[in-house]
Amino acid sequence: MPIGSTCRECGAPLPPDLGWCARCYTPVTPFAARPRLHEPGTFVGTPTPDVRMSRWRAGPTTMGPIGRIVVSVLLLLLLPWWALVVPLRSIWRKTRVVEGGPSTALDRLSQRHPVLGREIRVGSAATIAIALVAATALGAFWLTREPVQRLLWIGIAVIVAGSFLLAREHDL
């Protein structure tokens, strides 16, 4: 067994080959043997969580499907088609998603807001008011567009609705 580098009595440095301290002549005792903590050949460390790659689930540094779809639609409206390759590729690349974390938006919300949790309620009057405002805005928007723009917006709405349905069906 190894010995310490200093004397336990006086603190003087110990030469490795002597059995006593050169200053106070105290006998040097080796350290006591400790039992093994782990069996030889076993893994010692922290286990890594199961990691999977996904385009739909939000990761620690990425947005989920709603944010990706909204940003994609905004880019489609603002940029010409030939300038979309690089931004859309970076938005829709697969990212690491740790399993065992919150899987739905409500689970993430309940983690961030433990007081609200799943109990988010909107009254019937507020729901009707929100629906009326949204319907009025959509109607005004629809009436101010030309037929070609209307077809473009219908296509975007079909793509977004299909994406949401796919994400919901696959629990992403």
N, C-alpha and C. Protein backbone atom coordinates (compact mmCIF):
# COMPACT_ATOMS: atom_id res chain seq x y z
N MET A 1 0.85 -1.18 0.00
CA MET A 1 0.00 0.00 0.00
C MET A 1 0.89 1.24 0.00
N PRO A 2 0.46 2.31 -0.61
CA PRO A 2 1.27 3.52 -0.65
C PRO A 2 1.25 4.22 0.69
N ILE A 3 2.25 5.06 0.88
CA ILE A 3 2.30 5.88 2.08
C ILE A 3 2.04 7.31 1.68
N GLY A 4 1.73 8.16 2.64
CA GLY A 4 1.49 9.56 2.35
C GLY A 4 2.78 10.28 2.02
N SER A 5 2.66 11.51 1.50
CA SER A 5 3.86 12.27 1.14
C SER A 5 4.37 13.10 2.31
N THR A 6 3.59 13.24 3.37
CA THR A 6 4.04 13.98 4.56
C THR A 6 3.77 13.14 5.80
N CYS A 7 4.53 13.45 6.87
CA CYS A 7 4.38 12.75 8.14
C CYS A 7 3.07 13.15 8.79
N ARG A 8 2.40 12.19 9.39
CA ARG A 8 1.13 12.47 10.04
C ARG A 8 1.32 13.19 11.37
N GLU A 9 2.47 13.10 11.96
CA GLU A 9 2.74 13.73 13.26
C GLU A 9 3.25 15.16 13.10
N CYS A 10 4.36 15.32 12.32
CA CYS A 10 4.99 16.63 12.26
C CYS A 10 4.81 17.34 10.93
N GLY A 11 4.36 16.65 9.91
CA GLY A 11 4.12 17.29 8.61
C GLY A 11 5.36 17.38 7.74
N ALA A 12 6.45 16.78 8.12
CA ALA A 12 7.69 16.82 7.33
C ALA A 12 7.53 15.95 6.09
N PRO A 13 8.21 16.29 4.98
CA PRO A 13 8.15 15.43 3.79
C PRO A 13 8.80 14.08 4.06
N LEU A 14 8.19 13.03 3.55
CA LEU A 14 8.68 11.66 3.78
C LEU A 14 9.37 11.14 2.53
N PRO A 15 10.56 10.57 2.69
CA PRO A 15 11.16 9.89 1.55
C PRO A 15 10.42 8.58 1.30
N PRO A 16 10.30 8.16 0.04
CA PRO A 16 9.47 6.99 -0.27
C PRO A 16 10.05 5.67 0.22
N ASP A 17 11.35 5.59 0.52
CA ASP A 17 11.93 4.30 0.86
C ASP A 17 12.14 4.08 2.35
N LEU A 18 11.90 5.08 3.23
CA LEU A 18 12.09 4.92 4.67
C LEU A 18 10.80 4.49 5.35
N GLY A 19 10.92 3.77 6.44
CA GLY A 19 9.76 3.31 7.19
C GLY A 19 9.47 4.20 8.39
N TRP A 20 10.19 5.34 8.55
CA TRP A 20 9.95 6.26 9.66
C TRP A 20 10.21 7.68 9.19
N CYS A 21 9.77 8.65 9.95
CA CYS A 21 9.98 10.06 9.64
C CYS A 21 11.41 10.44 10.01
N ALA A 22 12.10 11.17 9.16
CA ALA A 22 13.48 11.56 9.42
C ALA A 22 13.56 12.66 10.47
N ARG A 23 12.50 13.40 10.71
CA ARG A 23 12.54 14.49 11.68
C ARG A 23 12.11 14.03 13.07
N CYS A 24 10.94 13.35 13.21
CA CYS A 24 10.43 12.99 14.54
C CYS A 24 10.53 11.49 14.82
N TYR A 25 11.04 10.72 13.92
CA TYR A 25 11.25 9.27 14.05
C TYR A 25 9.96 8.50 14.34
N THR A 26 8.83 9.00 13.85
CA THR A 26 7.57 8.28 13.99
C THR A 26 7.49 7.21 12.90
N PRO A 27 7.08 6.00 13.25
CA PRO A 27 6.95 4.98 12.20
C PRO A 27 5.85 5.38 11.20
N VAL A 28 6.13 5.12 9.95
CA VAL A 28 5.20 5.45 8.87
C VAL A 28 4.28 4.25 8.66
N THR A 29 2.98 4.51 8.69
CA THR A 29 2.02 3.43 8.44
C THR A 29 1.39 3.65 7.06
N PRO A 30 1.25 2.59 6.31
CA PRO A 30 0.65 2.75 4.99
C PRO A 30 -0.85 3.04 5.11
N PHE A 31 -1.40 3.58 4.05
CA PHE A 31 -2.85 3.84 4.03
C PHE A 31 -3.61 2.53 4.11
N ALA A 32 -4.78 2.57 4.70
CA ALA A 32 -5.63 1.38 4.79
C ALA A 32 -6.26 1.09 3.43
N ALA A 33 -6.41 -0.18 3.16
CA ALA A 33 -7.03 -0.57 1.89
C ALA A 33 -8.53 -0.30 1.95
N ARG A 34 -9.07 0.22 0.83
CA ARG A 34 -10.50 0.48 0.76
C ARG A 34 -11.18 -0.61 -0.08
N PRO A 35 -12.40 -0.93 0.26
CA PRO A 35 -13.11 -1.90 -0.57
C PRO A 35 -13.45 -1.27 -1.93
N ARG A 36 -13.60 -2.11 -2.95
CA ARG A 36 -13.93 -1.62 -4.29
C ARG A 36 -15.34 -1.06 -4.30
N LEU A 37 -15.50 0.03 -5.04
CA LEU A 37 -16.83 0.61 -5.20
C LEU A 37 -17.61 -0.08 -6.31
N HIS A 38 -16.90 -0.49 -7.36
CA HIS A 38 -17.55 -1.10 -8.51
C HIS A 38 -16.80 -2.37 -8.88
N GLU A 39 -17.51 -3.28 -9.48
CA GLU A 39 -16.89 -4.50 -9.96
C GLU A 39 -15.97 -4.18 -11.13
N PRO A 40 -14.87 -4.89 -11.27
CA PRO A 40 -13.98 -4.62 -12.40
C PRO A 40 -14.68 -4.87 -13.74
N GLY A 41 -14.46 -3.95 -14.67
CA GLY A 41 -15.05 -4.09 -16.00
C GLY A 41 -16.44 -3.53 -16.14
N THR A 42 -17.03 -2.97 -15.08
CA THR A 42 -18.35 -2.39 -15.20
C THR A 42 -18.24 -0.92 -15.53
N PHE A 43 -19.30 -0.36 -16.09
CA PHE A 43 -19.32 1.05 -16.48
C PHE A 43 -19.49 1.91 -15.25
N VAL A 44 -18.64 2.91 -15.13
CA VAL A 44 -18.75 3.85 -14.03
C VAL A 44 -18.97 5.23 -14.64
N GLY A 45 -20.03 5.88 -14.31
CA GLY A 45 -20.34 7.20 -14.84
C GLY A 45 -21.84 7.41 -14.84
N THR A 46 -22.25 8.50 -15.45
CA THR A 46 -23.66 8.79 -15.53
C THR A 46 -24.21 8.25 -16.83
N PRO A 47 -25.34 7.58 -16.80
CA PRO A 47 -25.92 7.07 -18.05
C PRO A 47 -26.46 8.22 -18.88
N THR A 48 -26.31 8.13 -20.17
CA THR A 48 -26.84 9.15 -21.06
C THR A 48 -28.28 8.81 -21.40
N PRO A 49 -29.14 9.82 -21.50
CA PRO A 49 -30.53 9.54 -21.84
C PRO A 49 -30.63 9.10 -23.30
N ASP A 50 -31.71 8.41 -23.61
CA ASP A 50 -31.95 8.00 -24.99
C ASP A 50 -32.19 9.25 -25.83
N VAL A 51 -31.43 9.37 -26.90
CA VAL A 51 -31.54 10.55 -27.75
C VAL A 51 -32.03 10.11 -29.12
N ARG A 52 -32.98 10.86 -29.64
CA ARG A 52 -33.47 10.56 -30.97
C ARG A 52 -33.51 11.85 -31.77
N MET A 53 -33.44 11.74 -33.07
CA MET A 53 -33.44 12.89 -33.95
C MET A 53 -34.86 13.10 -34.48
N SER A 54 -35.29 14.36 -34.54
CA SER A 54 -36.63 14.64 -35.01
C SER A 54 -36.68 16.02 -35.65
N ARG A 55 -37.53 16.16 -36.66
CA ARG A 55 -37.79 17.46 -37.26
C ARG A 55 -39.01 18.11 -36.61
N TRP A 56 -39.84 17.32 -35.95
CA TRP A 56 -41.10 17.84 -35.46
C TRP A 56 -41.08 18.22 -34.00
N ARG A 57 -40.40 17.46 -33.17
CA ARG A 57 -40.43 17.77 -31.74
C ARG A 57 -39.42 18.85 -31.42
N ALA A 58 -39.77 19.71 -30.50
CA ALA A 58 -38.89 20.79 -30.10
C ALA A 58 -37.75 20.26 -29.27
N GLY A 59 -36.56 20.73 -29.54
CA GLY A 59 -35.39 20.36 -28.75
C GLY A 59 -35.06 21.48 -27.78
N PRO A 60 -33.94 21.37 -27.08
CA PRO A 60 -33.59 22.40 -26.12
C PRO A 60 -33.28 23.74 -26.77
N THR A 61 -32.83 23.74 -28.01
CA THR A 61 -32.47 24.99 -28.68
C THR A 61 -33.25 25.23 -29.95
N THR A 62 -34.30 24.48 -30.19
CA THR A 62 -35.08 24.66 -31.41
C THR A 62 -36.55 24.84 -31.08
N MET A 63 -37.28 25.31 -32.09
CA MET A 63 -38.71 25.48 -31.91
C MET A 63 -39.43 24.22 -32.39
N GLY A 64 -40.63 24.08 -31.99
CA GLY A 64 -41.42 22.92 -32.36
C GLY A 64 -42.06 23.09 -33.73
N PRO A 65 -43.03 22.25 -34.06
CA PRO A 65 -43.62 22.30 -35.39
C PRO A 65 -44.36 23.60 -35.68
N ILE A 66 -44.99 24.17 -34.69
CA ILE A 66 -45.75 25.40 -34.92
C ILE A 66 -44.79 26.52 -35.32
N GLY A 67 -43.72 26.69 -34.58
CA GLY A 67 -42.75 27.73 -34.91
C GLY A 67 -42.09 27.49 -36.25
N ARG A 68 -41.77 26.25 -36.57
CA ARG A 68 -41.13 25.95 -37.85
C ARG A 68 -42.08 26.23 -39.01
N ILE A 69 -43.34 25.87 -38.86
CA ILE A 69 -44.31 26.12 -39.94
C ILE A 69 -44.53 27.62 -40.12
N VAL A 70 -44.66 28.34 -39.03
CA VAL A 70 -44.88 29.80 -39.13
C VAL A 70 -43.69 30.47 -39.80
N VAL A 71 -42.48 30.12 -39.40
CA VAL A 71 -41.29 30.73 -40.01
C VAL A 71 -41.19 30.34 -41.48
N SER A 72 -41.51 29.11 -41.82
CA SER A 72 -41.47 28.68 -43.22
C SER A 72 -42.47 29.46 -44.07
N VAL A 73 -43.68 29.63 -43.56
CA VAL A 73 -44.69 30.37 -44.30
C VAL A 73 -44.26 31.82 -44.48
N LEU A 74 -43.72 32.43 -43.43
CA LEU A 74 -43.24 33.82 -43.55
C LEU A 74 -42.12 33.93 -44.57
N LEU A 75 -41.21 32.98 -44.59
CA LEU A 75 -40.14 33.01 -45.58
C LEU A 75 -40.69 32.82 -46.99
N LEU A 76 -41.69 31.95 -47.15
CA LEU A 76 -42.30 31.76 -48.46
C LEU A 76 -42.95 33.04 -48.97
N LEU A 77 -43.49 33.82 -48.07
CA LEU A 77 -44.14 35.06 -48.47
C LEU A 77 -43.15 36.19 -48.74
N LEU A 78 -42.04 36.21 -48.02
CA LEU A 78 -41.11 37.33 -48.11
C LEU A 78 -39.99 37.15 -49.12
N LEU A 79 -39.52 35.94 -49.31
CA LEU A 79 -38.37 35.71 -50.17
C LEU A 79 -38.78 35.07 -51.49
N PRO A 80 -37.99 35.29 -52.53
CA PRO A 80 -38.26 34.55 -53.78
C PRO A 80 -37.94 33.08 -53.58
N TRP A 81 -38.51 32.23 -54.43
CA TRP A 81 -38.38 30.79 -54.25
C TRP A 81 -36.95 30.31 -54.29
N TRP A 82 -36.09 30.94 -55.09
CA TRP A 82 -34.71 30.47 -55.22
C TRP A 82 -33.85 30.84 -54.02
N ALA A 83 -34.32 31.71 -53.14
CA ALA A 83 -33.54 32.10 -51.97
C ALA A 83 -33.97 31.36 -50.72
N LEU A 84 -34.79 30.32 -50.85
CA LEU A 84 -35.35 29.63 -49.69
C LEU A 84 -34.58 28.38 -49.28
N VAL A 85 -33.66 27.91 -50.10
CA VAL A 85 -33.03 26.62 -49.84
C VAL A 85 -32.28 26.61 -48.52
N VAL A 86 -31.40 27.57 -48.30
CA VAL A 86 -30.57 27.57 -47.09
C VAL A 86 -31.39 27.82 -45.83
N PRO A 87 -32.27 28.85 -45.79
CA PRO A 87 -33.04 29.03 -44.55
C PRO A 87 -33.96 27.85 -44.23
N LEU A 88 -34.64 27.30 -45.24
CA LEU A 88 -35.54 26.20 -44.97
C LEU A 88 -34.79 24.94 -44.56
N ARG A 89 -33.61 24.74 -45.12
CA ARG A 89 -32.80 23.58 -44.72
C ARG A 89 -32.39 23.69 -43.25
N SER A 90 -32.00 24.89 -42.82
CA SER A 90 -31.58 25.04 -41.42
C SER A 90 -32.77 24.99 -40.46
N ILE A 91 -33.94 25.44 -40.91
CA ILE A 91 -35.13 25.39 -40.04
C ILE A 91 -35.61 23.95 -39.87
N TRP A 92 -35.59 23.17 -40.94
CA TRP A 92 -36.16 21.83 -40.92
C TRP A 92 -35.14 20.73 -40.73
N ARG A 93 -33.90 21.05 -40.33
CA ARG A 93 -32.92 19.98 -40.09
C ARG A 93 -33.32 19.21 -38.84
N LYS A 94 -32.91 17.96 -38.80
CA LYS A 94 -33.21 17.13 -37.64
C LYS A 94 -32.35 17.59 -36.47
N THR A 95 -32.94 17.65 -35.29
CA THR A 95 -32.21 18.02 -34.09
C THR A 95 -32.40 16.93 -33.05
N ARG A 96 -31.52 16.91 -32.07
CA ARG A 96 -31.60 15.91 -31.01
C ARG A 96 -32.73 16.26 -30.06
N VAL A 97 -33.51 15.25 -29.73
CA VAL A 97 -34.62 15.41 -28.80
C VAL A 97 -34.43 14.37 -27.72
N VAL A 98 -34.39 14.79 -26.48
CA VAL A 98 -34.19 13.87 -25.37
C VAL A 98 -35.53 13.25 -25.01
N GLU A 99 -35.57 11.93 -25.00
CA GLU A 99 -36.79 11.23 -24.61
C GLU A 99 -36.99 11.37 -23.10
N GLY A 100 -38.20 11.30 -22.68
CA GLY A 100 -38.49 11.38 -21.26
C GLY A 100 -38.82 12.80 -20.83
N GLY A 101 -38.59 13.77 -21.69
CA GLY A 101 -38.94 15.15 -21.39
C GLY A 101 -40.41 15.37 -21.70
N PRO A 102 -40.89 16.59 -21.53
CA PRO A 102 -42.29 16.86 -21.85
C PRO A 102 -42.52 16.68 -23.34
N SER A 103 -43.58 15.97 -23.70
CA SER A 103 -43.81 15.66 -25.11
C SER A 103 -44.82 16.58 -25.76
N THR A 104 -45.76 17.11 -25.03
CA THR A 104 -46.77 17.97 -25.64
C THR A 104 -46.59 19.39 -25.14
N ALA A 105 -47.24 20.30 -25.85
CA ALA A 105 -47.15 21.71 -25.47
C ALA A 105 -47.75 21.94 -24.09
N LEU A 106 -48.82 21.21 -23.76
CA LEU A 106 -49.42 21.38 -22.44
C LEU A 106 -48.50 20.87 -21.33
N ASP A 107 -47.76 19.79 -21.59
CA ASP A 107 -46.80 19.31 -20.60
C ASP A 107 -45.68 20.32 -20.38
N ARG A 108 -45.20 20.92 -21.48
CA ARG A 108 -44.15 21.94 -21.34
C ARG A 108 -44.69 23.15 -20.59
N LEU A 109 -45.94 23.52 -20.88
CA LEU A 109 -46.54 24.67 -20.19
C LEU A 109 -46.71 24.37 -18.71
N SER A 110 -47.12 23.15 -18.37
CA SER A 110 -47.30 22.83 -16.96
C SER A 110 -45.97 22.78 -16.23
N GLN A 111 -44.88 22.47 -16.94
CA GLN A 111 -43.57 22.52 -16.28
C GLN A 111 -43.15 23.95 -16.03
N ARG A 112 -43.38 24.83 -17.02
CA ARG A 112 -42.97 26.22 -16.86
C ARG A 112 -43.89 26.99 -15.93
N HIS A 113 -45.17 26.65 -15.93
CA HIS A 113 -46.15 27.36 -15.12
C HIS A 113 -46.90 26.37 -14.24
N PRO A 114 -46.29 25.99 -13.11
CA PRO A 114 -46.94 24.99 -12.27
C PRO A 114 -48.27 25.46 -11.68
N VAL A 115 -48.48 26.78 -11.58
CA VAL A 115 -49.73 27.28 -11.02
C VAL A 115 -50.86 27.06 -12.03
N LEU A 116 -50.58 27.36 -13.32
CA LEU A 116 -51.62 27.19 -14.33
C LEU A 116 -51.82 25.72 -14.67
N GLY A 117 -50.71 25.04 -14.92
CA GLY A 117 -50.80 23.62 -15.25
C GLY A 117 -51.66 23.37 -16.47
N ARG A 118 -52.52 22.39 -16.41
CA ARG A 118 -53.41 22.08 -17.52
C ARG A 118 -54.74 22.82 -17.41
N GLU A 119 -54.89 23.63 -16.42
CA GLU A 119 -56.16 24.29 -16.15
C GLU A 119 -56.23 25.66 -16.81
N ILE A 120 -56.00 25.75 -18.10
CA ILE A 120 -56.13 27.02 -18.81
C ILE A 120 -57.53 27.06 -19.39
N ARG A 121 -58.28 28.03 -18.93
CA ARG A 121 -59.68 28.12 -19.36
C ARG A 121 -59.96 29.51 -19.91
N VAL A 122 -60.69 29.53 -21.00
CA VAL A 122 -61.16 30.79 -21.58
C VAL A 122 -62.67 30.73 -21.52
N GLY A 123 -63.26 31.80 -21.03
CA GLY A 123 -64.72 31.84 -20.91
C GLY A 123 -65.40 31.81 -22.26
N SER A 124 -66.70 31.52 -22.26
CA SER A 124 -67.45 31.42 -23.52
C SER A 124 -67.55 32.77 -24.22
N ALA A 125 -67.70 33.87 -23.46
CA ALA A 125 -67.77 35.19 -24.08
C ALA A 125 -66.45 35.55 -24.74
N ALA A 126 -65.34 35.21 -24.09
CA ALA A 126 -64.03 35.49 -24.68
C ALA A 126 -63.79 34.64 -25.91
N THR A 127 -64.25 33.40 -25.90
CA THR A 127 -64.10 32.53 -27.06
C THR A 127 -64.88 33.06 -28.25
N ILE A 128 -66.09 33.52 -28.01
CA ILE A 128 -66.91 34.08 -29.09
C ILE A 128 -66.28 35.36 -29.62
N ALA A 129 -65.77 36.21 -28.75
CA ALA A 129 -65.14 37.46 -29.18
C ALA A 129 -63.89 37.18 -30.01
N ILE A 130 -63.09 36.22 -29.61
CA ILE A 130 -61.88 35.87 -30.37
C ILE A 130 -62.27 35.30 -31.73
N ALA A 131 -63.28 34.45 -31.78
CA ALA A 131 -63.73 33.88 -33.05
C ALA A 131 -64.27 34.96 -33.98
N LEU A 132 -65.03 35.91 -33.46
CA LEU A 132 -65.57 37.00 -34.29
C LEU A 132 -64.46 37.88 -34.84
N VAL A 133 -63.49 38.23 -34.03
CA VAL A 133 -62.37 39.06 -34.49
C VAL A 133 -61.58 38.32 -35.57
N ALA A 134 -61.32 37.02 -35.35
CA ALA A 134 -60.57 36.25 -36.34
C ALA A 134 -61.35 36.12 -37.64
N ALA A 135 -62.66 35.87 -37.56
CA ALA A 135 -63.48 35.74 -38.77
C ALA A 135 -63.54 37.06 -39.53
N THR A 136 -63.67 38.18 -38.84
CA THR A 136 -63.70 39.49 -39.48
C THR A 136 -62.37 39.78 -40.17
N ALA A 137 -61.27 39.49 -39.49
CA ALA A 137 -59.95 39.72 -40.09
C ALA A 137 -59.74 38.84 -41.32
N LEU A 138 -60.13 37.57 -41.23
CA LEU A 138 -59.99 36.68 -42.39
C LEU A 138 -60.88 37.12 -43.55
N GLY A 139 -62.10 37.54 -43.25
CA GLY A 139 -63.00 38.02 -44.31
C GLY A 139 -62.45 39.26 -45.00
N ALA A 140 -61.97 40.22 -44.23
CA ALA A 140 -61.39 41.43 -44.81
C ALA A 140 -60.15 41.11 -45.63
N PHE A 141 -59.33 40.23 -45.12
CA PHE A 141 -58.12 39.83 -45.84
C PHE A 141 -58.50 39.13 -47.15
N TRP A 142 -59.49 38.25 -47.10
CA TRP A 142 -59.90 37.48 -48.28
C TRP A 142 -60.48 38.40 -49.37
N LEU A 143 -61.27 39.37 -48.97
CA LEU A 143 -61.92 40.25 -49.95
C LEU A 143 -60.95 41.23 -50.61
N THR A 144 -59.83 41.51 -49.98
CA THR A 144 -58.87 42.46 -50.55
C THR A 144 -57.85 41.79 -51.45
N ARG A 145 -57.90 40.50 -51.63
CA ARG A 145 -56.91 39.77 -52.44
C ARG A 145 -57.44 39.48 -53.84
N GLU A 146 -56.50 39.32 -54.76
CA GLU A 146 -56.82 38.92 -56.12
C GLU A 146 -56.97 37.39 -56.17
N PRO A 147 -57.55 36.85 -57.23
CA PRO A 147 -57.76 35.39 -57.30
C PRO A 147 -56.48 34.56 -57.19
N VAL A 148 -55.40 35.01 -57.81
CA VAL A 148 -54.15 34.25 -57.73
C VAL A 148 -53.62 34.24 -56.29
N GLN A 149 -53.70 35.36 -55.62
CA GLN A 149 -53.25 35.41 -54.22
C GLN A 149 -54.14 34.55 -53.33
N ARG A 150 -55.42 34.51 -53.65
CA ARG A 150 -56.31 33.65 -52.86
C ARG A 150 -55.91 32.18 -52.99
N LEU A 151 -55.58 31.75 -54.22
CA LEU A 151 -55.14 30.37 -54.42
C LEU A 151 -53.84 30.08 -53.67
N LEU A 152 -52.93 31.05 -53.66
CA LEU A 152 -51.68 30.87 -52.91
C LEU A 152 -51.97 30.70 -51.42
N TRP A 153 -52.88 31.50 -50.88
CA TRP A 153 -53.21 31.40 -49.46
C TRP A 153 -53.95 30.10 -49.15
N ILE A 154 -54.77 29.63 -50.08
CA ILE A 154 -55.43 28.34 -49.87
C ILE A 154 -54.39 27.23 -49.82
N GLY A 155 -53.41 27.28 -50.73
CA GLY A 155 -52.34 26.27 -50.73
C GLY A 155 -51.55 26.28 -49.43
N ILE A 156 -51.22 27.47 -48.95
CA ILE A 156 -50.48 27.58 -47.69
C ILE A 156 -51.32 27.04 -46.53
N ALA A 157 -52.62 27.36 -46.52
CA ALA A 157 -53.49 26.87 -45.45
C ALA A 157 -53.60 25.35 -45.48
N VAL A 158 -53.67 24.75 -46.68
CA VAL A 158 -53.75 23.29 -46.79
C VAL A 158 -52.46 22.66 -46.28
N ILE A 159 -51.31 23.24 -46.64
CA ILE A 159 -50.02 22.70 -46.17
C ILE A 159 -49.91 22.79 -44.66
N VAL A 160 -50.28 23.93 -44.10
CA VAL A 160 -50.19 24.11 -42.64
C VAL A 160 -51.16 23.16 -41.93
N ALA A 161 -52.39 23.05 -42.42
CA ALA A 161 -53.37 22.16 -41.78
C ALA A 161 -52.92 20.71 -41.88
N GLY A 162 -52.40 20.32 -43.05
CA GLY A 162 -51.90 18.95 -43.19
C GLY A 162 -50.74 18.66 -42.28
N SER A 163 -49.86 19.64 -42.10
CA SER A 163 -48.72 19.46 -41.19
C SER A 163 -49.19 19.27 -39.76
N PHE A 164 -50.16 20.08 -39.34
CA PHE A 164 -50.68 19.94 -37.99
C PHE A 164 -51.36 18.60 -37.79
N LEU A 165 -52.11 18.14 -38.79
CA LEU A 165 -52.79 16.86 -38.67
C LEU A 165 -51.77 15.71 -38.60
N LEU A 166 -50.72 15.78 -39.42
CA LEU A 166 -49.68 14.75 -39.36
C LEU A 166 -48.97 14.76 -38.02
N ALA A 167 -48.65 15.95 -37.53
CA ALA A 167 -47.96 16.04 -36.23
C ALA A 167 -48.84 15.51 -35.12
N ARG A 168 -50.13 15.80 -35.19
CA ARG A 168 -51.03 15.33 -34.14
C ARG A 168 -51.24 13.83 -34.22
N GLU A 169 -51.31 13.30 -35.43
CA GLU A 169 -51.52 11.87 -35.61
C GLU A 169 -50.32 11.06 -35.11
N HIS A 170 -49.13 11.57 -35.33
CA HIS A 170 -47.91 10.86 -34.94
C HIS A 170 -47.40 11.29 -33.57
N ASP A 171 -48.18 12.09 -32.87
CA ASP A 171 -47.83 12.57 -31.52
C ASP A 171 -46.45 13.21 -31.50
N LEU A 172 -46.25 14.15 -32.41
CA LEU A 172 -44.94 14.81 -32.51
C LEU A 172 -44.97 16.16 -31.90
